[in-house]
Amino acid sequence: MSMADEEVIRRKKRLIAGELYRYFGRVCPELTQKWEKAILKMPPSVLKELVGRLQILEAVSHQTNQELKAAHLAAVKEFIEPLLDQTLAALEHISEDAAALMRRLDELLKA
């Protein structure tokens, strides 16, 4: 593996670490706070919708965890970069889902 390839892998690992920190360090706590406020005010139909969205988010998170494990356990270096690409894509998807959920909670809290 060339030095350029190793640098690309290092850069992707830094991106993944940054996204994980941002998601678990900032997004999750903020989402939890909003959820705690909103849950007390929501009718059952809205709670049911949000439970469905959270289940989707949980499934995507599970898939991302599996991809992270696969990337970590990859013994053959040429497979590491594609796995890192998949992991980055999955993290972007989680961030998008979390943002959509936060927007929906904001809407519900305003209602």
PDB file of N, CA and C in Angstrom:
ATOM      1  N   MET A   1       0.857  -1.165   0.000  1.00  0.00           N
ATOM      2  CA  MET A   1       0.000   0.000   0.000  1.00  0.00           C
ATOM      3  C   MET A   1       0.906   1.232   0.000  1.00  0.00           C
ATOM      4  N   SER A   2       0.581   2.181  -0.856  1.00  0.00           N
ATOM      5  CA  SER A   2       1.419   3.368  -0.981  1.00  0.00           C
ATOM      6  C   SER A   2       1.149   4.339   0.167  1.00  0.00           C
ATOM      7  N   MET A   3       2.046   5.303   0.304  1.00  0.00           N
ATOM      8  CA  MET A   3       1.892   6.333   1.339  1.00  0.00           C
ATOM      9  C   MET A   3       0.622   7.145   1.098  1.00  0.00           C
ATOM     10  N   ALA A   4       0.293   7.388  -0.190  1.00  0.00           N
ATOM     11  CA  ALA A   4      -0.914   8.145  -0.509  1.00  0.00           C
ATOM     12  C   ALA A   4      -2.155   7.381  -0.054  1.00  0.00           C
ATOM     13  N   ASP A   5      -2.163   6.052  -0.281  1.00  0.00           N
ATOM     14  CA  ASP A   5      -3.291   5.229   0.153  1.00  0.00           C
ATOM     15  C   ASP A   5      -3.419   5.240   1.669  1.00  0.00           C
ATOM     16  N   GLU A   6      -2.304   5.148   2.347  1.00  0.00           N
ATOM     17  CA  GLU A   6      -2.325   5.168   3.808  1.00  0.00           C
ATOM     18  C   GLU A   6      -2.838   6.508   4.322  1.00  0.00           C
ATOM     19  N   GLU A   7      -2.470   7.594   3.636  1.00  0.00           N
ATOM     20  CA  GLU A   7      -2.950   8.918   4.046  1.00  0.00           C
ATOM     21  C   GLU A   7      -4.457   9.032   3.842  1.00  0.00           C
ATOM     22  N   VAL A   8      -4.962   8.488   2.758  1.00  0.00           N
ATOM     23  CA  VAL A   8      -6.409   8.504   2.508  1.00  0.00           C
ATOM     24  C   VAL A   8      -7.128   7.746   3.612  1.00  0.00           C
ATOM     25  N   ILE A   9      -6.606   6.600   3.993  1.00  0.00           N
ATOM     26  CA  ILE A   9      -7.219   5.803   5.059  1.00  0.00           C
ATOM     27  C   ILE A   9      -7.167   6.556   6.384  1.00  0.00           C
ATOM     28  N   ARG A  10      -6.032   7.179   6.688  1.00  0.00           N
ATOM     29  CA  ARG A  10      -5.931   7.968   7.924  1.00  0.00           C
ATOM     30  C   ARG A  10      -6.948   9.112   7.925  1.00  0.00           C
ATOM     31  N   ARG A  11      -7.098   9.784   6.776  1.00  0.00           N
ATOM     32  CA  ARG A  11      -8.047  10.895   6.666  1.00  0.00           C
ATOM     33  C   ARG A  11      -9.471  10.398   6.890  1.00  0.00           C
ATOM     34  N   LYS A  12      -9.811   9.269   6.307  1.00  0.00           N
ATOM     35  CA  LYS A  12     -11.159   8.724   6.483  1.00  0.00           C
ATOM     36  C   LYS A  12     -11.395   8.296   7.927  1.00  0.00           C
ATOM     37  N   LYS A  13     -10.388   7.738   8.558  1.00  0.00           N
ATOM     38  CA  LYS A  13     -10.528   7.375   9.969  1.00  0.00           C
ATOM     39  C   LYS A  13     -10.762   8.614  10.822  1.00  0.00           C
ATOM     40  N   ARG A  14     -10.062   9.710  10.512  1.00  0.00           N
ATOM     41  CA  ARG A  14     -10.268  10.964  11.256  1.00  0.00           C
ATOM     42  C   ARG A  14     -11.685  11.494  11.027  1.00  0.00           C
ATOM     43  N   LEU A  15     -12.168  11.401   9.781  1.00  0.00           N
ATOM     44  CA  LEU A  15     -13.528  11.842   9.487  1.00  0.00           C
ATOM     45  C   LEU A  15     -14.549  11.022  10.278  1.00  0.00           C
ATOM     46  N   ILE A  16     -14.350   9.706  10.322  1.00  0.00           N
ATOM     47  CA  ILE A  16     -15.263   8.839  11.068  1.00  0.00           C
ATOM     48  C   ILE A  16     -15.223   9.194  12.552  1.00  0.00           C
ATOM     49  N   ALA A  17     -14.036   9.365  13.093  1.00  0.00           N
ATOM     50  CA  ALA A  17     -13.922   9.720  14.509  1.00  0.00           C
ATOM     51  C   ALA A  17     -14.622  11.049  14.789  1.00  0.00           C
ATOM     52  N   GLY A  18     -14.439  12.019  13.909  1.00  0.00           N
ATOM     53  CA  GLY A  18     -15.090  13.316  14.074  1.00  0.00           C
ATOM     54  C   GLY A  18     -16.602  13.220  14.010  1.00  0.00           C
ATOM     55  N   GLU A  19     -17.107  12.431  13.062  1.00  0.00           N
ATOM     56  CA  GLU A  19     -18.558  12.257  12.936  1.00  0.00           C
ATOM     57  C   GLU A  19     -19.130  11.529  14.152  1.00  0.00           C
ATOM     58  N   LEU A  20     -18.435  10.512  14.613  1.00  0.00           N
ATOM     59  CA  LEU A  20     -18.905   9.785  15.793  1.00  0.00           C
ATOM     60  C   LEU A  20     -18.937  10.709  17.007  1.00  0.00           C
ATOM     61  N   TYR A  21     -17.893  11.509  17.179  1.00  0.00           N
ATOM     62  CA  TYR A  21     -17.852  12.447  18.302  1.00  0.00           C
ATOM     63  C   TYR A  21     -18.992  13.458  18.200  1.00  0.00           C
ATOM     64  N   ARG A  22     -19.188  14.008  16.992  1.00  0.00           N
ATOM     65  CA  ARG A  22     -20.243  14.996  16.795  1.00  0.00           C
ATOM     66  C   ARG A  22     -21.608  14.382  17.085  1.00  0.00           C
ATOM     67  N   TYR A  23     -21.835  13.197  16.573  1.00  0.00           N
ATOM     68  CA  TYR A  23     -23.142  12.564  16.751  1.00  0.00           C
ATOM     69  C   TYR A  23     -23.400  12.217  18.208  1.00  0.00           C
ATOM     70  N   PHE A  24     -22.458  11.485  18.832  1.00  0.00           N
ATOM     71  CA  PHE A  24     -22.681  11.039  20.200  1.00  0.00           C
ATOM     72  C   PHE A  24     -22.391  12.121  21.231  1.00  0.00           C
ATOM     73  N   GLY A  25     -21.550  13.081  20.884  1.00  0.00           N
ATOM     74  CA  GLY A  25     -21.208  14.143  21.826  1.00  0.00           C
ATOM     75  C   GLY A  25     -22.163  15.318  21.811  1.00  0.00           C
ATOM     76  N   ARG A  26     -22.748  15.609  20.645  1.00  0.00           N
ATOM     77  CA  ARG A  26     -23.620  16.779  20.547  1.00  0.00           C
ATOM     78  C   ARG A  26     -25.046  16.425  20.140  1.00  0.00           C
ATOM     79  N   VAL A  27     -25.196  15.670  19.074  1.00  0.00           N
ATOM     80  CA  VAL A  27     -26.532  15.422  18.538  1.00  0.00           C
ATOM     81  C   VAL A  27     -27.369  14.576  19.486  1.00  0.00           C
ATOM     82  N   CYS A  28     -26.831  13.470  19.960  1.00  0.00           N
ATOM     83  CA  CYS A  28     -27.612  12.585  20.844  1.00  0.00           C
ATOM     84  C   CYS A  28     -28.064  13.281  22.130  1.00  0.00           C
ATOM     85  N   PRO A  29     -27.190  13.984  22.844  1.00  0.00           N
ATOM     86  CA  PRO A  29     -27.661  14.663  24.057  1.00  0.00           C
ATOM     87  C   PRO A  29     -28.735  15.718  23.763  1.00  0.00           C
ATOM     88  N   GLU A  30     -28.567  16.459  22.676  1.00  0.00           N
ATOM     89  CA  GLU A  30     -29.561  17.470  22.324  1.00  0.00           C
ATOM     90  C   GLU A  30     -30.888  16.812  21.954  1.00  0.00           C
ATOM     91  N   LEU A  31     -30.809  15.741  21.207  1.00  0.00           N
ATOM     92  CA  LEU A  31     -32.005  15.007  20.822  1.00  0.00           C
ATOM     93  C   LEU A  31     -32.702  14.429  22.056  1.00  0.00           C
ATOM     94  N   THR A  32     -31.938  13.922  22.996  1.00  0.00           N
ATOM     95  CA  THR A  32     -32.505  13.366  24.229  1.00  0.00           C
ATOM     96  C   THR A  32     -33.239  14.442  25.025  1.00  0.00           C
ATOM     97  N   GLN A  33     -32.639  15.613  25.143  1.00  0.00           N
ATOM     98  CA  GLN A  33     -33.281  16.708  25.874  1.00  0.00           C
ATOM     99  C   GLN A  33     -34.600  17.115  25.218  1.00  0.00           C
ATOM    100  N   LYS A  34     -34.589  17.240  23.899  1.00  0.00           N
ATOM    101  CA  LYS A  34     -35.816  17.612  23.196  1.00  0.00           C
ATOM    102  C   LYS A  34     -36.867  16.522  23.341  1.00  0.00           C
ATOM    103  N   TRP A  35     -36.434  15.290  23.251  1.00  0.00           N
ATOM    104  CA  TRP A  35     -37.365  14.169  23.374  1.00  0.00           C
ATOM    105  C   TRP A  35     -38.026  14.177  24.752  1.00  0.00           C
ATOM    106  N   GLU A  36     -37.243  14.389  25.793  1.00  0.00           N
ATOM    107  CA  GLU A  36     -37.789  14.389  27.150  1.00  0.00           C
ATOM    108  C   GLU A  36     -38.846  15.477  27.319  1.00  0.00           C
ATOM    109  N   LYS A  37     -38.620  16.648  26.730  1.00  0.00           N
ATOM    110  CA  LYS A  37     -39.598  17.727  26.814  1.00  0.00           C
ATOM    111  C   LYS A  37     -40.840  17.404  25.995  1.00  0.00           C
ATOM    112  N   ALA A  38     -40.620  16.866  24.819  1.00  0.00           N
ATOM    113  CA  ALA A  38     -41.721  16.655  23.892  1.00  0.00           C
ATOM    114  C   ALA A  38     -42.616  15.492  24.283  1.00  0.00           C
ATOM    115  N   ILE A  39     -42.059  14.445  24.829  1.00  0.00           N
ATOM    116  CA  ILE A  39     -42.821  13.223  25.087  1.00  0.00           C
ATOM    117  C   ILE A  39     -43.991  13.473  26.030  1.00  0.00           C
ATOM    118  N   LEU A  40     -43.840  14.410  26.942  1.00  0.00           N
ATOM    119  CA  LEU A  40     -44.900  14.688  27.897  1.00  0.00           C
ATOM    120  C   LEU A  40     -46.093  15.397  27.263  1.00  0.00           C
ATOM    121  N   LYS A  41     -45.868  16.022  26.119  1.00  0.00           N
ATOM    122  CA  LYS A  41     -46.908  16.834  25.487  1.00  0.00           C
ATOM    123  C   LYS A  41     -47.539  16.170  24.262  1.00  0.00           C
ATOM    124  N   MET A  42     -47.045  15.041  23.846  1.00  0.00           N
ATOM    125  CA  MET A  42     -47.472  14.466  22.573  1.00  0.00           C
ATOM    126  C   MET A  42     -48.648  13.511  22.717  1.00  0.00           C
ATOM    127  N   PRO A  43     -49.541  13.576  21.728  1.00  0.00           N
ATOM    128  CA  PRO A  43     -50.623  12.590  21.710  1.00  0.00           C
ATOM    129  C   PRO A  43     -50.079  11.227  21.267  1.00  0.00           C
ATOM    130  N   PRO A  44     -50.780  10.157  21.581  1.00  0.00           N
ATOM    131  CA  PRO A  44     -50.311   8.806  21.246  1.00  0.00           C
ATOM    132  C   PRO A  44     -50.004   8.603  19.759  1.00  0.00           C
ATOM    133  N   SER A  45     -50.796   9.215  18.879  1.00  0.00           N
ATOM    134  CA  SER A  45     -50.542   9.031  17.442  1.00  0.00           C
ATOM    135  C   SER A  45     -49.178   9.583  17.037  1.00  0.00           C
ATOM    136  N   VAL A  46     -48.803  10.705  17.601  1.00  0.00           N
ATOM    137  CA  VAL A  46     -47.501  11.308  17.293  1.00  0.00           C
ATOM    138  C   VAL A  46     -46.384  10.460  17.892  1.00  0.00           C
ATOM    139  N   LEU A  47     -46.599   9.985  19.104  1.00  0.00           N
ATOM    140  CA  LEU A  47     -45.593   9.126  19.735  1.00  0.00           C
ATOM    141  C   LEU A  47     -45.356   7.873  18.897  1.00  0.00           C
ATOM    142  N   LYS A  48     -46.424   7.331  18.342  1.00  0.00           N
ATOM    143  CA  LYS A  48     -46.294   6.134  17.507  1.00  0.00           C
ATOM    144  C   LYS A  48     -45.441   6.430  16.265  1.00  0.00           C
ATOM    145  N   GLU A  49     -45.674   7.590  15.639  1.00  0.00           N
ATOM    146  CA  GLU A  49     -44.877   7.984  14.471  1.00  0.00           C
ATOM    147  C   GLU A  49     -43.395   8.109  14.843  1.00  0.00           C
ATOM    148  N   LEU A  50     -43.132   8.755  15.970  1.00  0.00           N
ATOM    149  CA  LEU A  50     -41.745   8.954  16.383  1.00  0.00           C
ATOM    150  C   LEU A  50     -41.068   7.634  16.751  1.00  0.00           C
ATOM    151  N   VAL A  51     -41.824   6.725  17.342  1.00  0.00           N
ATOM    152  CA  VAL A  51     -41.259   5.409  17.654  1.00  0.00           C
ATOM    153  C   VAL A  51     -40.812   4.730  16.364  1.00  0.00           C
ATOM    154  N   GLY A  52     -41.626   4.845  15.312  1.00  0.00           N
ATOM    155  CA  GLY A  52     -41.250   4.269  14.019  1.00  0.00           C
ATOM    156  C   GLY A  52     -39.971   4.878  13.482  1.00  0.00           C
ATOM    157  N   ARG A  53     -39.862   6.189  13.589  1.00  0.00           N
ATOM    158  CA  ARG A  53     -38.643   6.860  13.116  1.00  0.00           C
ATOM    159  C   ARG A  53     -37.423   6.453  13.950  1.00  0.00           C
ATOM    160  N   LEU A  54     -37.622   6.316  15.249  1.00  0.00           N
ATOM    161  CA  LEU A  54     -36.518   5.890  16.104  1.00  0.00           C
ATOM    162  C   LEU A  54     -36.088   4.456  15.788  1.00  0.00           C
ATOM    163  N   GLN A  55     -37.033   3.620  15.425  1.00  0.00           N
ATOM    164  CA  GLN A  55     -36.685   2.249  15.044  1.00  0.00           C
ATOM    165  C   GLN A  55     -35.844   2.239  13.774  1.00  0.00           C
ATOM    166  N   ILE A  56     -36.174   3.119  12.835  1.00  0.00           N
ATOM    167  CA  ILE A  56     -35.361   3.231  11.618  1.00  0.00           C
ATOM    168  C   ILE A  56     -33.958   3.707  11.980  1.00  0.00           C
ATOM    169  N   LEU A  57     -33.888   4.717  12.832  1.00  0.00           N
ATOM    170  CA  LEU A  57     -32.589   5.236  13.264  1.00  0.00           C
ATOM    171  C   LEU A  57     -31.785   4.149  13.976  1.00  0.00           C
ATOM    172  N   GLU A  58     -32.450   3.346  14.791  1.00  0.00           N
ATOM    173  CA  GLU A  58     -31.779   2.254  15.480  1.00  0.00           C
ATOM    174  C   GLU A  58     -31.237   1.228  14.474  1.00  0.00           C
ATOM    175  N   ALA A  59     -32.016   0.917  13.450  1.00  0.00           N
ATOM    176  CA  ALA A  59     -31.575  -0.048  12.436  1.00  0.00           C
ATOM    177  C   ALA A  59     -30.357   0.478  11.683  1.00  0.00           C
ATOM    178  N   VAL A  60     -30.377   1.764  11.342  1.00  0.00           N
ATOM    179  CA  VAL A  60     -29.234   2.355  10.641  1.00  0.00           C
ATOM    180  C   VAL A  60     -28.009   2.369  11.557  1.00  0.00           C
ATOM    181  N   SER A  61     -28.232   2.684  12.839  1.00  0.00           N
ATOM    182  CA  SER A  61     -27.122   2.670  13.798  1.00  0.00           C
ATOM    183  C   SER A  61     -26.524   1.269  13.931  1.00  0.00           C
ATOM    184  N   HIS A  62     -27.394   0.272  13.959  1.00  0.00           N
ATOM    185  CA  HIS A  62     -26.924  -1.109  14.046  1.00  0.00           C
ATOM    186  C   HIS A  62     -26.090  -1.460  12.809  1.00  0.00           C
ATOM    187  N   GLN A  63     -26.578  -1.063  11.642  1.00  0.00           N
ATOM    188  CA  GLN A  63     -25.837  -1.333  10.407  1.00  0.00           C
ATOM    189  C   GLN A  63     -24.477  -0.640  10.438  1.00  0.00           C
ATOM    190  N   THR A  64     -24.459   0.596  10.920  1.00  0.00           N
ATOM    191  CA  THR A  64     -23.191   1.329  11.012  1.00  0.00           C
ATOM    192  C   THR A  64     -22.230   0.633  11.962  1.00  0.00           C
ATOM    193  N   ASN A  65     -22.738   0.163  13.091  1.00  0.00           N
ATOM    194  CA  ASN A  65     -21.884  -0.575  14.031  1.00  0.00           C
ATOM    195  C   ASN A  65     -21.295  -1.821  13.382  1.00  0.00           C
ATOM    196  N   GLN A  66     -22.104  -2.521  12.608  1.00  0.00           N
ATOM    197  CA  GLN A  66     -21.611  -3.714  11.921  1.00  0.00           C
ATOM    198  C   GLN A  66     -20.516  -3.349  10.923  1.00  0.00           C
ATOM    199  N   GLU A  67     -20.713  -2.247  10.212  1.00  0.00           N
ATOM    200  CA  GLU A  67     -19.708  -1.812   9.240  1.00  0.00           C
ATOM    201  C   GLU A  67     -18.424  -1.372   9.930  1.00  0.00           C
ATOM    202  N   LEU A  68     -18.556  -0.711  11.074  1.00  0.00           N
ATOM    203  CA  LEU A  68     -17.366  -0.325  11.829  1.00  0.00           C
ATOM    204  C   LEU A  68     -16.594  -1.556  12.300  1.00  0.00           C
ATOM    205  N   LYS A  69     -17.310  -2.564  12.772  1.00  0.00           N
ATOM    206  CA  LYS A  69     -16.651  -3.808  13.192  1.00  0.00           C
ATOM    207  C   LYS A  69     -15.958  -4.465  12.012  1.00  0.00           C
ATOM    208  N   ALA A  70     -16.626  -4.483  10.874  1.00  0.00           N
ATOM    209  CA  ALA A  70     -16.034  -5.090   9.684  1.00  0.00           C
ATOM    210  C   ALA A  70     -14.766  -4.344   9.269  1.00  0.00           C
ATOM    211  N   ALA A  71     -14.818  -3.018   9.340  1.00  0.00           N
ATOM    212  CA  ALA A  71     -13.638  -2.226   8.982  1.00  0.00           C
ATOM    213  C   ALA A  71     -12.492  -2.501   9.949  1.00  0.00           C
ATOM    214  N   HIS A  72     -12.837  -2.627  11.209  1.00  0.00           N
ATOM    215  CA  HIS A  72     -11.814  -2.878  12.223  1.00  0.00           C
ATOM    216  C   HIS A  72     -11.179  -4.264  12.069  1.00  0.00           C
ATOM    217  N   LEU A  73     -11.995  -5.229  11.714  1.00  0.00           N
ATOM    218  CA  LEU A  73     -11.515  -6.603  11.622  1.00  0.00           C
ATOM    219  C   LEU A  73     -10.921  -6.962  10.263  1.00  0.00           C
ATOM    220  N   ALA A  74     -11.009  -6.053   9.324  1.00  0.00           N
ATOM    221  CA  ALA A  74     -10.516  -6.359   7.981  1.00  0.00           C
ATOM    222  C   ALA A  74      -9.016  -6.660   8.029  1.00  0.00           C
ATOM    223  N   ALA A  75      -8.665  -7.831   7.594  1.00  0.00           N
ATOM    224  CA  ALA A  75      -7.265  -8.241   7.630  1.00  0.00           C
ATOM    225  C   ALA A  75      -6.538  -7.834   6.358  1.00  0.00           C
ATOM    226  N   VAL A  76      -7.250  -7.719   5.282  1.00  0.00           N
ATOM    227  CA  VAL A  76      -6.625  -7.401   4.004  1.00  0.00           C
ATOM    228  C   VAL A  76      -6.759  -5.904   3.761  1.00  0.00           C
ATOM    229  N   LYS A  77      -5.644  -5.212   3.620  1.00  0.00           N
ATOM    230  CA  LYS A  77      -5.652  -3.757   3.565  1.00  0.00           C
ATOM    231  C   LYS A  77      -6.445  -3.189   2.396  1.00  0.00           C
ATOM    232  N   GLU A  78      -6.513  -3.874   1.266  1.00  0.00           N
ATOM    233  CA  GLU A  78      -7.242  -3.292   0.134  1.00  0.00           C
ATOM    234  C   GLU A  78      -8.742  -3.215   0.388  1.00  0.00           C
ATOM    235  N   PHE A  79      -9.232  -3.915   1.411  1.00  0.00           N
ATOM    236  CA  PHE A  79     -10.652  -3.854   1.736  1.00  0.00           C
ATOM    237  C   PHE A  79     -10.971  -2.755   2.749  1.00  0.00           C
ATOM    238  N   ILE A  80      -9.977  -2.206   3.379  1.00  0.00           N
ATOM    239  CA  ILE A  80     -10.215  -1.208   4.427  1.00  0.00           C
ATOM    240  C   ILE A  80     -10.846   0.059   3.854  1.00  0.00           C
ATOM    241  N   GLU A  81     -10.309   0.575   2.764  1.00  0.00           N
ATOM    242  CA  GLU A  81     -10.824   1.836   2.229  1.00  0.00           C
ATOM    243  C   GLU A  81     -12.298   1.745   1.806  1.00  0.00           C
ATOM    244  N   PRO A  82     -12.722   0.707   1.062  1.00  0.00           N
ATOM    245  CA  PRO A  82     -14.163   0.620   0.736  1.00  0.00           C
ATOM    246  C   PRO A  82     -15.044   0.506   1.985  1.00  0.00           C
ATOM    247  N   LEU A  83     -14.572  -0.222   2.996  1.00  0.00           N
ATOM    248  CA  LEU A  83     -15.347  -0.332   4.231  1.00  0.00           C
ATOM    249  C   LEU A  83     -15.453   1.018   4.930  1.00  0.00           C
ATOM    250  N   LEU A  84     -14.376   1.778   4.905  1.00  0.00           N
ATOM    251  CA  LEU A  84     -14.410   3.111   5.501  1.00  0.00           C
ATOM    252  C   LEU A  84     -15.379   4.012   4.737  1.00  0.00           C
ATOM    253  N   ASP A  85     -15.397   3.881   3.400  1.00  0.00           N
ATOM    254  CA  ASP A  85     -16.342   4.653   2.596  1.00  0.00           C
ATOM    255  C   ASP A  85     -17.779   4.307   2.976  1.00  0.00           C
ATOM    256  N   GLN A  86     -18.057   3.025   3.140  1.00  0.00           N
ATOM    257  CA  GLN A  86     -19.406   2.593   3.527  1.00  0.00           C
ATOM    258  C   GLN A  86     -19.766   3.129   4.906  1.00  0.00           C
ATOM    259  N   THR A  87     -18.819   3.094   5.816  1.00  0.00           N
ATOM    260  CA  THR A  87     -19.068   3.585   7.167  1.00  0.00           C
ATOM    261  C   THR A  87     -19.353   5.078   7.148  1.00  0.00           C
ATOM    262  N   LEU A  88     -18.558   5.833   6.391  1.00  0.00           N
ATOM    263  CA  LEU A  88     -18.809   7.271   6.284  1.00  0.00           C
ATOM    264  C   LEU A  88     -20.198   7.543   5.720  1.00  0.00           C
ATOM    265  N   ALA A  89     -20.585   6.796   4.707  1.00  0.00           N
ATOM    266  CA  ALA A  89     -21.910   6.977   4.115  1.00  0.00           C
ATOM    267  C   ALA A  89     -23.003   6.662   5.136  1.00  0.00           C
ATOM    268  N   ALA A  90     -22.809   5.609   5.904  1.00  0.00           N
ATOM    269  CA  ALA A  90     -23.803   5.244   6.917  1.00  0.00           C
ATOM    270  C   ALA A  90     -23.895   6.316   7.996  1.00  0.00           C
ATOM    271  N   LEU A  91     -22.756   6.876   8.399  1.00  0.00           N
ATOM    272  CA  LEU A  91     -22.768   7.945   9.408  1.00  0.00           C
ATOM    273  C   LEU A  91     -23.477   9.182   8.888  1.00  0.00           C
ATOM    274  N   GLU A  92     -23.281   9.492   7.602  1.00  0.00           N
ATOM    275  CA  GLU A  92     -23.986  10.624   7.023  1.00  0.00           C
ATOM    276  C   GLU A  92     -25.487  10.377   7.063  1.00  0.00           C
ATOM    277  N   HIS A  93     -25.885   9.138   6.799  1.00  0.00           N
ATOM    278  CA  HIS A  93     -27.311   8.782   6.821  1.00  0.00           C
ATOM    279  C   HIS A  93     -27.869   8.940   8.237  1.00  0.00           C
ATOM    280  N   ILE A  94     -27.124   8.509   9.226  1.00  0.00           N
ATOM    281  CA  ILE A  94     -27.561   8.650  10.622  1.00  0.00           C
ATOM    282  C   ILE A  94     -27.725  10.126  10.960  1.00  0.00           C
ATOM    283  N   SER A  95     -26.761  10.946  10.547  1.00  0.00           N
ATOM    284  CA  SER A  95     -26.844  12.380  10.834  1.00  0.00           C
ATOM    285  C   SER A  95     -28.075  12.994  10.182  1.00  0.00           C
ATOM    286  N   GLU A  96     -28.363  12.574   8.950  1.00  0.00           N
ATOM    287  CA  GLU A  96     -29.545  13.093   8.258  1.00  0.00           C
ATOM    288  C   GLU A  96     -30.818  12.674   8.986  1.00  0.00           C
ATOM    289  N   ASP A  97     -30.900  11.406   9.397  1.00  0.00           N
ATOM    290  CA  ASP A  97     -32.073  10.924  10.124  1.00  0.00           C
ATOM    291  C   ASP A  97     -32.242  11.652  11.449  1.00  0.00           C
ATOM    292  N   ALA A  98     -31.151  11.853  12.160  1.00  0.00           N
ATOM    293  CA  ALA A  98     -31.223  12.550  13.443  1.00  0.00           C
ATOM    294  C   ALA A  98     -31.673  13.995  13.233  1.00  0.00           C
ATOM    295  N   ALA A  99     -31.174  14.640  12.191  1.00  0.00           N
ATOM    296  CA  ALA A  99     -31.577  16.021  11.904  1.00  0.00           C
ATOM    297  C   ALA A  99     -33.065  16.086  11.573  1.00  0.00           C
ATOM    298  N   ALA A 100     -33.550  15.129  10.788  1.00  0.00           N
ATOM    299  CA  ALA A 100     -34.975  15.095  10.450  1.00  0.00           C
ATOM    300  C   ALA A 100     -35.819  14.882  11.698  1.00  0.00           C
ATOM    301  N   LEU A 101     -35.363  14.004  12.563  1.00  0.00           N
ATOM    302  CA  LEU A 101     -36.093  13.748  13.806  1.00  0.00           C
ATOM    303  C   LEU A 101     -36.108  14.992  14.689  1.00  0.00           C
ATOM    304  N   MET A 102     -34.992  15.685  14.760  1.00  0.00           N
ATOM    305  CA  MET A 102     -34.933  16.907  15.565  1.00  0.00           C
ATOM    306  C   MET A 102     -35.856  17.984  14.986  1.00  0.00           C
ATOM    307  N   ARG A 103     -35.908  18.099  13.648  1.00  0.00           N
ATOM    308  CA  ARG A 103     -36.815  19.064  13.037  1.00  0.00           C
ATOM    309  C   ARG A 103     -38.267  18.719  13.374  1.00  0.00           C
ATOM    310  N   ARG A 104     -38.590  17.438  13.306  1.00  0.00           N
ATOM    311  CA  ARG A 104     -39.960  16.995  13.607  1.00  0.00           C
ATOM    312  C   ARG A 104     -40.302  17.274  15.076  1.00  0.00           C
ATOM    313  N   LEU A 105     -39.362  17.018  15.968  1.00  0.00           N
ATOM    314  CA  LEU A 105     -39.598  17.330  17.382  1.00  0.00           C
ATOM    315  C   LEU A 105     -39.803  18.816  17.593  1.00  0.00           C
ATOM    316  N   ASP A 106     -39.008  19.629  16.902  1.00  0.00           N
ATOM    317  CA  ASP A 106     -39.189  21.090  17.006  1.00  0.00           C
ATOM    318  C   ASP A 106     -40.587  21.500  16.553  1.00  0.00           C
ATOM    319  N   GLU A 107     -41.036  20.908  15.430  1.00  0.00           N
ATOM    320  CA  GLU A 107     -42.373  21.197  14.935  1.00  0.00           C
ATOM    321  C   GLU A 107     -43.431  20.819  15.966  1.00  0.00           C
ATOM    322  N   LEU A 108     -43.260  19.644  16.559  1.00  0.00           N
ATOM    323  CA  LEU A 108     -44.239  19.168  17.529  1.00  0.00           C
ATOM    324  C   LEU A 108     -44.230  20.002  18.796  1.00  0.00           C
ATOM    325  N   LEU A 109     -43.063  20.452  19.201  1.00  0.00           N
ATOM    326  CA  LEU A 109     -42.988  21.282  20.401  1.00  0.00           C
ATOM    327  C   LEU A 109     -43.634  22.655  20.172  1.00  0.00           C
ATOM    328  N   LYS A 110     -43.584  23.134  18.941  1.00  0.00           N
ATOM    329  CA  LYS A 110     -44.202  24.421  18.617  1.00  0.00           C
ATOM    330  C   LYS A 110     -45.713  24.315  18.529  1.00  0.00           C
ATOM    331  N   ALA A 111     -46.195  23.106  18.218  1.00  0.00           N
ATOM    332  CA  ALA A 111     -47.648  22.924  18.032  1.00  0.00           C
ATOM    333  C   ALA A 111     -48.392  22.949  19.362  1.00  0.00           C
TER     334      ALA A 111
END
